[in-house]
Amino acid sequence: MNDDRLERLVAGALEEKARAAVGDDRAVPQLDAHTSHRAVTGRRRRTAWLAPLAAAAAVVVVALGLVFAFRSAPSKDHQQRVAAGPSAGAPATATPLSTAPSTPAVATTPVHVKLKFSDGSTFGVGIPVIAYVSRRITDASGFARATTVTVNGQPAQGAWYFENSAEPGYPLEAHFRMPDYWPAHSKIHLDLPVRGMAAGRGLAFDDSLTLDFSTGAANVATVDDLTHKMTLLSDGRLVGTYPVSLGGTSTPTSRGTKVIMEKGASICMRGPGYYECGVKYTQRLTYGGEYLHAAPWNTSNLGRLDSSNGCTNLSITDAAMLYKTLQIGDVVTYPNARGPMMQLAQGYGDWNVAWSQWLSGGAVRTS
């Protein structure tokens, strides 16, 4: 209904109300300029006209209110548009949910992790997985929990142990191993999904890593300082026994379980009072300079007494054969050498740490 029609209906209703109030036989008084000069006689006549006029005025007030309300009310079409939301062509205005300031995100310092070894390598069964960490983290519990390892597709149990590192830009390193050596002739997969994970107060890892490698034969050599001989077993089978000479009195060979770290066909060696190049068939066992290597200058002492600078001296023939047979990650044990026990930080000395101690996480808490 439009406004004009409503006004006509209200006007008609007012006229009917006025007529009903004064009677059908009397005309509704016209409130024009002449009315004020018309002579009106009799008090009763004035009273009879005032009552219907007051009633008519009341109706006018009510009617005017209805007109105002009708004009102010939103149309049905407008109500539908409001209920349906803004049209596709009109930009929506976001209504703020709260005037309170939002809590700022806590800034974190990124911690980068890198692995020492690459995918696709084959190692001996004693190799640890080594990860370098770019900052001195204070919490590695999430790092440890997130790590998963499979051997030939089957879940395997292991743990991380943290220590100081000499790697430039990476003050910490973590080694991962199982309670015992890796199974021989196996495929190992390690998953380290730690990106975004907390590494202590204000620290968070910024990357995730995986590693896939294989193991070869279970080569384990034992060097007996009492007999001055080295015995090699491969997958439990005896490969051979070889005469050796270990470190002399002033430079004794360290005890414990060592792992071959790197190989060099010919290198230079330096130590107190000597510098020798062209040393052949070298296989490093410690950062400090213990190797398996050929020592043609010490042939007379092989198999009978210790006279080296701490290395395990071999004949050229035996050293060449062992260089060809052994690989990085193979195990060489020294149960009764005269030097101090090898420490973890002196090389891949992981197997000299008892498993119960290993589970503590070392320099960083892992649980």
Protein backbone atom coordinates (compact mmCIF):
# COMPACT_ATOMS: atom_id res chain seq x y z
CA MET A 1 0.00 0.00 0.00
CA ASN A 2 1.47 3.41 -0.94
CA ASP A 3 1.42 6.56 1.18
CA ASP A 4 -1.27 8.44 -0.82
CA ARG A 5 -3.78 5.62 -0.57
CA LEU A 6 -3.19 5.36 3.17
CA GLU A 7 -3.76 9.07 3.62
CA ARG A 8 -7.07 8.92 1.67
CA LEU A 9 -8.26 6.02 3.83
CA VAL A 10 -7.37 7.91 7.03
CA ALA A 11 -9.16 11.04 5.79
CA GLY A 12 -12.29 9.03 5.02
CA ALA A 13 -12.20 7.42 8.43
CA LEU A 14 -11.92 10.84 10.09
CA GLU A 15 -14.93 12.11 8.24
CA GLU A 16 -17.04 9.09 9.23
CA LYS A 17 -15.92 9.43 12.85
CA ALA A 18 -16.89 13.08 12.93
CA ARG A 19 -20.29 12.45 11.38
CA ALA A 20 -21.02 9.68 13.82
CA ALA A 21 -20.13 11.98 16.68
CA VAL A 22 -22.48 14.85 15.64
CA GLY A 23 -25.28 12.85 14.07
CA ASP A 24 -26.33 12.23 10.48
CA ASP A 25 -28.60 15.30 10.40
CA ARG A 26 -25.85 17.81 11.19
CA ALA A 27 -22.96 18.91 9.01
CA VAL A 28 -19.41 18.72 10.20
CA PRO A 29 -18.25 22.23 11.14
CA GLN A 30 -15.72 23.73 8.77
CA LEU A 31 -12.70 25.22 10.54
CA ASP A 32 -12.06 28.12 8.24
CA ALA A 33 -11.45 31.81 8.68
CA HIS A 34 -15.20 32.63 8.78
CA THR A 35 -15.98 30.31 11.63
CA SER A 36 -14.38 32.60 14.24
CA HIS A 37 -16.81 35.45 13.26
CA ARG A 38 -19.99 33.29 13.14
CA ALA A 39 -22.40 33.89 15.97
CA VAL A 40 -22.90 30.83 18.06
CA THR A 41 -25.74 30.85 20.54
CA GLY A 42 -26.32 28.72 23.51
CA ARG A 43 -23.82 27.01 25.86
CA ARG A 44 -25.27 23.56 25.14
CA ARG A 45 -24.75 23.93 21.41
CA ARG A 46 -21.03 24.74 21.90
CA THR A 47 -20.60 21.74 24.17
CA ALA A 48 -22.27 19.42 21.69
CA TRP A 49 -19.84 20.45 18.98
CA LEU A 50 -16.65 20.36 21.16
CA ALA A 51 -16.98 16.66 22.06
CA PRO A 52 -17.01 15.34 18.50
CA LEU A 53 -14.21 17.73 17.55
CA ALA A 54 -12.03 16.40 20.37
CA ALA A 55 -12.74 12.85 19.25
CA ALA A 56 -11.86 13.76 15.70
CA ALA A 57 -8.60 15.34 16.87
CA ALA A 58 -7.67 12.15 18.72
CA VAL A 59 -8.29 10.12 15.60
CA VAL A 60 -6.08 12.52 13.64
CA VAL A 61 -3.21 12.04 16.09
CA VAL A 62 -3.49 8.25 15.88
CA ALA A 63 -3.72 8.35 12.09
CA LEU A 64 -0.70 10.61 11.74
CA GLY A 65 1.27 8.19 13.95
CA LEU A 66 0.35 5.31 11.69
CA VAL A 67 1.42 7.24 8.60
CA PHE A 68 4.78 8.12 10.18
CA ALA A 69 5.35 4.53 11.31
CA PHE A 70 4.45 3.16 7.89
CA ARG A 71 6.80 5.57 6.12
CA SER A 72 9.63 4.80 8.58
CA ALA A 73 9.31 1.01 8.45
CA PRO A 74 11.61 -0.79 5.96
CA SER A 75 9.93 -2.30 2.96
CA LYS A 76 9.58 -6.06 2.61
CA ASP A 77 12.10 -6.01 -0.21
CA HIS A 78 14.61 -4.18 2.02
CA GLN A 79 14.03 -6.74 4.80
CA GLN A 80 14.74 -9.57 2.38
CA ARG A 81 17.96 -7.91 1.22
CA VAL A 82 19.14 -7.46 4.82
CA ALA A 83 18.32 -11.09 5.66
CA ALA A 84 20.16 -12.35 2.59
CA GLY A 85 23.27 -10.26 3.28
CA PRO A 86 25.14 -7.94 0.89
CA SER A 87 24.63 -8.45 -2.81
CA ALA A 88 27.37 -9.84 -4.99
CA GLY A 89 28.03 -6.43 -6.46
CA ALA A 90 28.15 -4.52 -3.16
CA PRO A 91 31.25 -4.61 -0.97
CA ALA A 92 30.73 -6.25 2.40
CA THR A 93 31.60 -4.22 5.49
CA ALA A 94 33.22 -6.28 8.24
CA THR A 95 31.89 -5.68 11.73
CA PRO A 96 34.62 -5.84 14.38
CA LEU A 97 34.02 -8.62 16.87
CA SER A 98 35.91 -6.92 19.63
CA THR A 99 37.57 -3.61 20.30
CA ALA A 100 40.15 -5.22 22.58
CA PRO A 101 43.71 -5.32 21.12
CA SER A 102 44.86 -8.74 19.92
CA THR A 103 47.76 -10.46 21.69
CA PRO A 104 50.94 -10.14 19.58
CA ALA A 105 52.59 -13.37 18.43
CA VAL A 106 55.67 -14.35 20.41
CA ALA A 107 58.76 -14.01 18.24
CA THR A 108 60.91 -17.10 17.93
CA THR A 109 64.49 -17.49 16.81
CA PRO A 110 64.88 -20.07 14.04
CA VAL A 111 67.03 -23.13 14.67
CA HIS A 112 68.36 -24.91 11.60
CA VAL A 113 69.19 -28.61 11.48
CA LYS A 114 71.36 -30.34 8.89
CA LEU A 115 72.44 -33.95 8.54
CA LYS A 116 76.03 -35.05 8.02
CA PHE A 117 75.26 -37.83 5.55
CA SER A 118 73.32 -37.85 2.29
CA ASP A 119 70.64 -40.19 1.00
CA GLY A 120 71.70 -43.33 -0.79
CA SER A 121 74.95 -44.02 1.07
CA THR A 122 75.99 -47.43 2.39
CA PHE A 123 77.69 -47.65 5.78
CA GLY A 124 78.95 -50.14 8.29
CA VAL A 125 76.67 -51.25 11.10
CA GLY A 126 78.28 -48.94 13.68
CA ILE A 127 77.51 -45.64 11.96
CA PRO A 128 75.53 -43.07 13.97
CA VAL A 129 73.10 -40.68 12.33
CA ILE A 130 74.55 -37.21 12.95
CA ALA A 131 72.54 -33.98 12.96
CA TYR A 132 74.06 -30.52 13.41
CA VAL A 133 72.04 -27.83 15.24
CA SER A 134 72.59 -24.12 14.53
CA ARG A 135 71.90 -22.86 18.07
CA ARG A 136 72.33 -24.04 21.61
CA ILE A 137 68.82 -25.31 22.14
CA THR A 138 67.54 -26.01 25.65
CA ASP A 139 64.77 -28.51 24.95
CA ALA A 140 64.95 -31.46 22.57
CA SER A 141 61.99 -33.44 23.92
CA GLY A 142 59.80 -32.65 20.90
CA PHE A 143 62.74 -33.32 18.58
CA ALA A 144 63.14 -36.78 20.13
CA ARG A 145 59.43 -37.64 20.14
CA ALA A 146 58.98 -36.62 16.52
CA THR A 147 61.79 -38.86 15.25
CA THR A 148 60.76 -42.14 13.65
CA VAL A 149 63.04 -44.84 12.23
CA THR A 150 62.32 -47.96 10.23
CA VAL A 151 64.65 -50.82 9.36
CA ASN A 152 63.52 -52.67 6.24
CA GLY A 153 60.14 -50.99 6.66
CA GLN A 154 59.67 -52.09 10.27
CA PRO A 155 59.65 -49.59 13.18
CA ALA A 156 62.90 -49.53 15.15
CA GLN A 157 63.79 -48.00 18.51
CA GLY A 158 66.64 -45.58 19.01
CA ALA A 159 67.53 -42.31 20.74
CA TRP A 160 69.38 -39.02 20.28
CA TYR A 161 72.37 -37.88 22.34
CA PHE A 162 73.57 -34.25 22.18
CA GLU A 163 77.12 -32.95 22.52
CA ASN A 164 79.20 -29.90 21.65
CA SER A 165 80.24 -29.66 18.02
CA ALA A 166 83.21 -28.27 16.13
CA GLU A 167 81.15 -27.83 12.95
CA PRO A 168 81.32 -24.11 11.95
CA GLY A 169 78.02 -22.35 12.69
CA TYR A 170 76.59 -25.38 14.50
CA PRO A 171 77.52 -25.39 18.21
CA LEU A 172 75.65 -28.63 18.93
CA GLU A 173 75.41 -31.99 17.25
CA ALA A 174 73.09 -34.89 17.96
CA HIS A 175 73.86 -38.55 17.33
CA PHE A 176 71.13 -41.13 16.84
CA ARG A 177 71.67 -44.85 17.37
CA MET A 178 69.86 -47.98 18.47
CA PRO A 179 70.75 -49.95 21.63
CA ASP A 180 72.88 -52.23 19.42
CA TYR A 181 74.48 -51.94 15.99
CA TRP A 182 72.26 -51.54 12.94
CA PRO A 183 71.23 -54.82 11.34
CA ALA A 184 73.51 -55.77 8.43
CA HIS A 185 72.34 -55.61 4.80
CA SER A 186 69.39 -53.38 5.70
CA LYS A 187 67.66 -50.25 4.49
CA ILE A 188 67.14 -47.57 7.12
CA HIS A 189 64.75 -44.63 6.88
CA LEU A 190 64.78 -41.77 9.40
CA ASP A 191 62.09 -39.10 9.51
CA LEU A 192 62.63 -35.87 11.46
CA PRO A 193 59.46 -33.69 11.04
CA VAL A 194 60.40 -30.89 13.46
CA ARG A 195 59.70 -27.69 11.51
CA GLY A 196 57.89 -25.21 13.76
CA MET A 197 58.53 -27.32 16.86
CA ALA A 198 59.78 -25.62 20.01
CA ALA A 199 63.47 -26.00 20.85
CA GLY A 200 63.36 -24.13 24.15
CA ARG A 201 62.23 -20.68 25.23
CA GLY A 202 62.06 -18.41 22.18
CA LEU A 203 63.50 -21.05 19.84
CA ALA A 204 61.84 -23.12 17.09
CA PHE A 205 63.20 -25.47 14.43
CA ASP A 206 62.85 -24.11 10.90
CA ASP A 207 63.14 -27.29 8.82
CA SER A 208 62.20 -30.97 8.64
CA LEU A 209 64.49 -33.70 7.32
CA THR A 210 64.58 -37.31 6.20
CA LEU A 211 67.46 -39.70 5.60
CA ASP A 212 67.66 -42.99 3.71
CA PHE A 213 70.78 -45.15 3.83
CA SER A 214 71.80 -48.80 3.77
CA THR A 215 74.12 -51.01 5.76
CA GLY A 216 76.59 -53.50 4.34
CA ALA A 217 78.08 -56.54 6.00
CA ALA A 218 78.51 -56.55 9.77
CA ASN A 219 82.28 -56.00 9.81
CA VAL A 220 83.68 -55.97 13.34
CA ALA A 221 87.44 -55.94 13.98
CA THR A 222 89.00 -56.61 17.39
CA VAL A 223 92.55 -55.43 18.20
CA ASP A 224 94.18 -57.33 21.04
CA ASP A 225 97.10 -55.46 22.59
CA LEU A 226 98.27 -58.54 24.45
CA THR A 227 98.82 -60.59 21.30
CA HIS A 228 99.42 -57.58 19.01
CA LYS A 229 96.98 -58.97 16.49
CA MET A 230 93.79 -57.76 14.84
CA THR A 231 90.98 -60.21 14.02
CA LEU A 232 88.22 -59.38 11.52
CA LEU A 233 84.77 -60.96 11.46
CA SER A 234 82.31 -60.24 8.62
CA ASP A 235 78.70 -61.30 9.27
CA GLY A 236 80.15 -63.52 11.99
CA ARG A 237 82.60 -65.24 9.68
CA LEU A 238 86.36 -65.05 10.27
CA VAL A 239 88.04 -63.07 7.48
CA GLY A 240 91.61 -63.05 8.84
CA THR A 241 94.09 -62.19 11.58
CA TYR A 242 96.75 -59.49 11.06
CA PRO A 243 99.86 -58.50 13.07
CA VAL A 244 99.81 -54.92 14.37
CA SER A 245 101.79 -52.44 16.41
CA LEU A 246 99.92 -49.97 18.62
CA GLY A 247 100.98 -46.77 20.38
CA GLY A 248 104.17 -46.72 22.40
CA THR A 249 104.50 -45.78 26.05
CA SER A 250 104.35 -42.00 25.53
CA THR A 251 101.59 -42.14 22.88
CA PRO A 252 99.33 -45.06 23.86
CA THR A 253 96.35 -46.10 21.74
CA SER A 254 92.98 -45.37 23.42
CA ARG A 255 90.70 -48.16 24.60
CA GLY A 256 87.11 -48.70 23.62
CA THR A 257 84.93 -49.12 20.55
CA LYS A 258 85.74 -46.97 17.53
CA VAL A 259 84.08 -46.52 14.16
CA ILE A 260 85.79 -45.81 10.85
CA MET A 261 85.08 -42.15 10.08
CA GLU A 262 86.81 -41.59 6.74
CA LYS A 263 89.21 -43.22 4.31
CA GLY A 264 92.26 -41.87 2.46
CA ALA A 265 94.43 -43.74 -0.03
CA SER A 266 97.45 -41.53 0.76
CA ILE A 267 97.68 -38.68 3.27
CA CYS A 268 100.14 -36.66 5.29
CA MET A 269 100.39 -37.25 9.04
CA ARG A 270 101.70 -34.83 11.60
CA GLY A 271 102.48 -35.39 15.27
CA PRO A 272 105.01 -34.56 18.01
CA GLY A 273 108.40 -34.73 16.33
CA TYR A 274 107.26 -36.01 12.94
CA TYR A 275 105.57 -35.01 9.69
CA GLU A 276 105.09 -37.82 7.19
CA CYS A 277 103.40 -37.67 3.80
CA GLY A 278 102.49 -40.56 1.54
CA VAL A 279 100.99 -42.66 4.34
CA LYS A 280 98.85 -45.22 2.49
CA TYR A 281 95.56 -46.98 3.03
CA THR A 282 94.50 -44.82 5.95
CA GLN A 283 91.19 -45.30 7.78
CA ARG A 284 90.50 -42.66 10.46
CA LEU A 285 89.26 -43.75 13.90
CA THR A 286 89.49 -40.52 15.95
CA TYR A 287 89.61 -36.77 15.36
CA GLY A 288 92.90 -36.72 17.22
CA GLY A 289 94.67 -38.80 14.59
CA GLU A 290 94.32 -42.51 15.29
CA TYR A 291 94.17 -44.52 12.04
CA LEU A 292 94.52 -47.97 10.62
CA HIS A 293 97.29 -47.59 8.05
CA ALA A 294 100.27 -49.17 6.30
CA ALA A 295 103.59 -48.66 8.12
CA PRO A 296 106.40 -50.19 6.06
CA TRP A 297 108.94 -48.38 8.32
CA ASN A 298 107.70 -50.36 11.33
CA THR A 299 107.50 -53.85 9.87
CA SER A 300 109.94 -55.31 12.41
CA ASN A 301 107.67 -54.47 15.34
CA LEU A 302 104.37 -55.73 13.87
CA GLY A 303 102.92 -58.54 15.96
CA ARG A 304 105.41 -58.21 18.80
CA LEU A 305 105.54 -54.74 20.46
CA ASP A 306 103.90 -51.31 20.49
CA SER A 307 105.96 -48.53 18.93
CA SER A 308 103.57 -46.29 16.93
CA ASN A 309 102.39 -42.75 17.68
CA GLY A 310 98.96 -44.11 18.63
CA CYS A 311 97.85 -45.53 15.28
CA THR A 312 97.36 -49.17 14.40
CA ASN A 313 100.31 -50.02 12.14
CA LEU A 314 99.88 -52.76 9.50
CA SER A 315 101.92 -54.20 6.68
CA ILE A 316 101.26 -52.73 3.23
CA THR A 317 99.58 -55.97 2.08
CA ASP A 318 97.28 -56.21 5.08
CA ALA A 319 96.49 -52.51 5.07
CA ALA A 320 95.56 -52.63 1.38
CA MET A 321 93.29 -55.65 1.89
CA LEU A 322 91.54 -54.04 4.90
CA TYR A 323 91.16 -50.75 3.05
CA LYS A 324 89.30 -52.59 0.30
CA THR A 325 87.17 -54.66 2.68
CA LEU A 326 86.16 -52.16 5.35
CA GLN A 327 83.92 -49.12 4.93
CA ILE A 328 82.91 -45.99 6.82
CA GLY A 329 80.80 -47.06 9.77
CA ASP A 330 82.56 -50.39 10.40
CA VAL A 331 83.51 -51.16 13.98
CA VAL A 332 87.03 -51.58 15.41
CA THR A 333 87.27 -52.43 19.12
CA TYR A 334 90.26 -52.08 21.44
CA PRO A 335 89.35 -53.96 24.62
CA ASN A 336 92.76 -53.81 26.31
CA ALA A 337 94.75 -50.98 24.72
CA ARG A 338 96.87 -49.09 27.24
CA GLY A 339 95.49 -45.62 26.64
CA PRO A 340 92.45 -43.92 28.26
CA MET A 341 88.90 -44.81 27.23
CA MET A 342 87.84 -43.11 24.02
CA GLN A 343 85.20 -40.41 24.57
CA LEU A 344 82.24 -39.64 22.37
CA ALA A 345 83.59 -36.23 21.30
CA GLN A 346 86.87 -37.79 20.14
CA GLY A 347 85.21 -39.38 17.12
CA TYR A 348 82.24 -41.69 16.60
CA GLY A 349 82.66 -42.94 20.12
CA ASP A 350 78.92 -43.50 20.55
CA TRP A 351 79.32 -47.14 21.57
CA ASN A 352 81.40 -46.18 24.60
CA VAL A 353 78.35 -44.53 26.20
CA ALA A 354 76.11 -46.94 28.13
CA TRP A 355 72.54 -47.11 26.79
CA SER A 356 71.09 -46.00 30.14
CA GLN A 357 73.23 -42.85 29.96
CA TRP A 358 72.46 -42.37 26.28
CA LEU A 359 68.76 -42.11 27.05
CA SER A 360 69.42 -39.00 29.17
CA GLY A 361 70.03 -37.00 25.97
CA GLY A 362 73.47 -35.74 26.94
CA ALA A 363 73.90 -31.95 26.71
CA VAL A 364 70.17 -31.34 25.99
CA ARG A 365 67.11 -32.82 27.66
CA THR A 366 65.22 -35.22 25.37
CA SER A 367 62.39 -36.28 27.70
